[in-house]
C-alpha atoms as a PDB file:
ATOM      1  CA  MET A   1      53.734 -69.869 -93.728  1.00  0.00           C
ATOM      2  CA  ARG A   2      55.449 -71.673 -96.561  1.00  0.00           C
ATOM      3  CA  GLY A   3      58.700 -71.837 -94.532  1.00  0.00           C
ATOM      4  CA  LEU A   4      56.712 -73.313 -91.571  1.00  0.00           C
ATOM      5  CA  ILE A   5      55.160 -76.021 -93.840  1.00  0.00           C
ATOM      6  CA  SER A   6      58.542 -76.743 -95.533  1.00  0.00           C
ATOM      7  CA  GLY A   7      60.243 -77.011 -92.219  1.00  0.00           C
ATOM      8  CA  THR A   8      57.466 -79.327 -90.876  1.00  0.00           C
ATOM      9  CA  VAL A   9      57.741 -81.579 -93.934  1.00  0.00           C
ATOM     10  CA  LEU A  10      61.492 -81.780 -93.652  1.00  0.00           C
ATOM     11  CA  ALA A  11      61.275 -82.627 -90.004  1.00  0.00           C
ATOM     12  CA  ALA A  12      58.731 -85.321 -90.785  1.00  0.00           C
ATOM     13  CA  LEU A  13      61.032 -86.762 -93.461  1.00  0.00           C
ATOM     14  CA  ALA A  14      63.946 -86.763 -91.169  1.00  0.00           C
ATOM     15  CA  VAL A  15      61.838 -88.754 -88.648  1.00  0.00           C
ATOM     16  CA  ILE A  16      60.629 -91.216 -91.239  1.00  0.00           C
ATOM     17  CA  GLY A  17      64.273 -91.733 -92.376  1.00  0.00           C
ATOM     18  CA  SER A  18      65.568 -92.307 -88.885  1.00  0.00           C
ATOM     19  CA  THR A  19      62.737 -94.758 -88.234  1.00  0.00           C
ATOM     20  CA  GLN A  20      63.548 -96.653 -91.381  1.00  0.00           C
ATOM     21  CA  LEU A  21      67.126 -96.826 -90.283  1.00  0.00           C
ATOM     22  CA  GLN A  22      66.159 -98.125 -86.831  1.00  0.00           C
ATOM     23  CA  ALA A  23      63.816-100.683 -88.407  1.00  0.00           C
ATOM     24  CA  GLY A  24      66.753-101.892 -90.745  1.00  0.00           C
ATOM     25  CA  GLU A  25      68.910-102.182 -87.828  1.00  0.00           C
ATOM     26  CA  THR A  26      66.441-104.419 -85.787  1.00  0.00           C
ATOM     27  CA  MET A  27      65.791-106.574 -88.678  1.00  0.00           C
ATOM     28  CA  LYS A  28      69.428-107.918 -88.444  1.00  0.00           C
ATOM     29  CA  THR A  29      68.592-110.020 -85.415  1.00  0.00           C
ATOM     30  CA  GLU A  30      70.382-113.281 -85.424  1.00  0.00           C
ATOM     31  CA  LEU A  31      67.987-116.203 -85.803  1.00  0.00           C
ATOM     32  CA  LYS A  32      68.594-119.522 -84.178  1.00  0.00           C
ATOM     33  CA  PRO A  33      67.019-122.830 -85.398  1.00  0.00           C
ATOM     34  CA  TYR A  34      64.761-124.622 -83.042  1.00  0.00           C
ATOM     35  CA  ASN A  35      62.402-127.647 -83.160  1.00  0.00           C
ATOM     36  CA  VAL A  36      59.200-126.793 -81.235  1.00  0.00           C
ATOM     37  CA  THR A  37      56.822-129.498 -80.206  1.00  0.00           C
ATOM     38  CA  ILE A  38      53.223-128.337 -79.922  1.00  0.00           C
ATOM     39  CA  LEU A  39      50.428-130.391 -78.512  1.00  0.00           C
ATOM     40  CA  VAL A  40      47.063-129.816 -80.057  1.00  0.00           C
ATOM     41  CA  PHE A  41      44.203-131.321 -77.962  1.00  0.00           C
ATOM     42  CA  ASP A  42      40.498-131.087 -77.080  1.00  0.00           C
ATOM     43  CA  PRO A  43      40.381-129.478 -73.715  1.00  0.00           C
ATOM     44  CA  THR A  44      37.045-131.161 -72.861  1.00  0.00           C
ATOM     45  CA  LYS A  45      38.981-134.569 -73.174  1.00  0.00           C
ATOM     46  CA  GLY A  46      42.232-133.684 -71.709  1.00  0.00           C
ATOM     47  CA  MET A  47      45.749-133.513 -73.014  1.00  0.00           C
ATOM     48  CA  GLU A  48      45.977-137.262 -73.702  1.00  0.00           C
ATOM     49  CA  SER A  49      43.338-136.673 -76.507  1.00  0.00           C
ATOM     50  CA  GLY A  50      45.886-134.600 -78.389  1.00  0.00           C
ATOM     51  CA  GLN A  51      48.347-134.963 -81.181  1.00  0.00           C
ATOM     52  CA  ASP A  52      52.050-133.674 -81.192  1.00  0.00           C
ATOM     53  CA  TYR A  53      53.423-131.630 -84.032  1.00  0.00           C
ATOM     54  CA  VAL A  54      57.245-130.850 -84.247  1.00  0.00           C
ATOM     55  CA  LEU A  55      57.658-127.651 -86.127  1.00  0.00           C
ATOM     56  CA  PRO A  56      60.980-126.275 -87.263  1.00  0.00           C
ATOM     57  CA  VAL A  57      61.231-122.444 -86.619  1.00  0.00           C
ATOM     58  CA  ASP A  58      64.145-119.903 -86.769  1.00  0.00           C
ATOM     59  CA  SER A  59      63.792-117.364 -83.966  1.00  0.00           C
ATOM     60  CA  PRO A  60      65.810-114.985 -81.992  1.00  0.00           C
ATOM     61  CA  ASP A  61      65.121-116.700 -78.760  1.00  0.00           C
ATOM     62  CA  VAL A  62      63.243-119.717 -77.123  1.00  0.00           C
ATOM     63  CA  GLU A  63      60.344-117.452 -76.104  1.00  0.00           C
ATOM     64  CA  HIS A  64      59.680-116.101 -79.597  1.00  0.00           C
ATOM     65  CA  ALA A  65      60.078-119.650 -80.872  1.00  0.00           C
ATOM     66  CA  ILE A  66      57.212-120.922 -78.642  1.00  0.00           C
ATOM     67  CA  ALA A  67      55.055-117.840 -79.334  1.00  0.00           C
ATOM     68  CA  SER A  68      55.316-118.046 -83.163  1.00  0.00           C
ATOM     69  CA  THR A  69      54.908-121.774 -83.232  1.00  0.00           C
ATOM     70  CA  THR A  70      51.782-121.800 -81.094  1.00  0.00           C
ATOM     71  CA  ALA A  71      50.298-119.111 -83.363  1.00  0.00           C
ATOM     72  CA  ASN A  72      51.104-121.310 -86.385  1.00  0.00           C
ATOM     73  CA  ALA A  73      49.507-124.235 -84.700  1.00  0.00           C
ATOM     74  CA  ALA A  74      46.319-122.207 -84.450  1.00  0.00           C
ATOM     75  CA  SER A  75      46.395-121.541 -88.134  1.00  0.00           C
ATOM     76  CA  PHE A  76      46.540-125.177 -89.305  1.00  0.00           C
ATOM     77  CA  THR A  77      44.199-126.652 -86.823  1.00  0.00           C
ATOM     78  CA  LYS A  78      40.546-127.279 -87.527  1.00  0.00           C
ATOM     79  CA  LYS A  79      38.438-125.096 -85.269  1.00  0.00           C
ATOM     80  CA  ALA A  80      34.890-125.315 -86.709  1.00  0.00           C
ATOM     81  CA  ASP A  81      32.729-128.116 -88.234  1.00  0.00           C
ATOM     82  CA  GLY A  82      29.638-127.214 -89.940  1.00  0.00           C
ATOM     83  CA  GLY A  83      29.575-123.801 -88.484  1.00  0.00           C
ATOM     84  CA  LYS A  84      30.006-125.001 -84.874  1.00  0.00           C
ATOM     85  CA  ALA A  85      33.024-124.104 -83.020  1.00  0.00           C
ATOM     86  CA  LEU A  86      35.209-127.025 -81.961  1.00  0.00           C
ATOM     87  CA  PRO A  87      36.940-127.156 -78.570  1.00  0.00           C
ATOM     88  CA  VAL A  88      40.792-126.971 -79.291  1.00  0.00           C
ATOM     89  CA  ALA A  89      43.776-125.942 -77.164  1.00  0.00           C
ATOM     90  CA  PHE A  90      47.428-125.731 -77.848  1.00  0.00           C
ATOM     91  CA  THR A  91      50.484-125.960 -75.613  1.00  0.00           C
ATOM     92  CA  CYS A  92      54.168-126.158 -76.124  1.00  0.00           C
ATOM     93  CA  ILE A  93      55.616-129.364 -74.717  1.00  0.00           C
ATOM     94  CA  LYS A  94      59.306-129.208 -75.928  1.00  0.00           C
ATOM     95  CA  VAL A  95      61.815-126.926 -77.424  1.00  0.00           C
ATOM     96  CA  GLU A  96      65.095-128.134 -78.802  1.00  0.00           C
ATOM     97  CA  ALA A  97      67.937-126.487 -80.778  1.00  0.00           C
ATOM     98  CA  ARG A  98      68.412-127.830 -84.209  1.00  0.00           C
END
């Protein structure tokens, strides 16, 4: 029984070690600098009611740059006032290499 448990523990450690190695390899992804322009607006008033924000981001590709910048826009935008939810929408309007 002890041998079975020891073998299982060693196998688990081997899997953890190989997973950490793989994670270390994927973290070496080359990042490229982008300026991503996000429009934050009130969807009940249309896009013309919005404001543009140009945010610098280092990402592996354009799709990731758009996704991460849109998520960041959601974090800094006011979404409630006095306990009442405000209508707010985000869209990417431009991506440029820096």
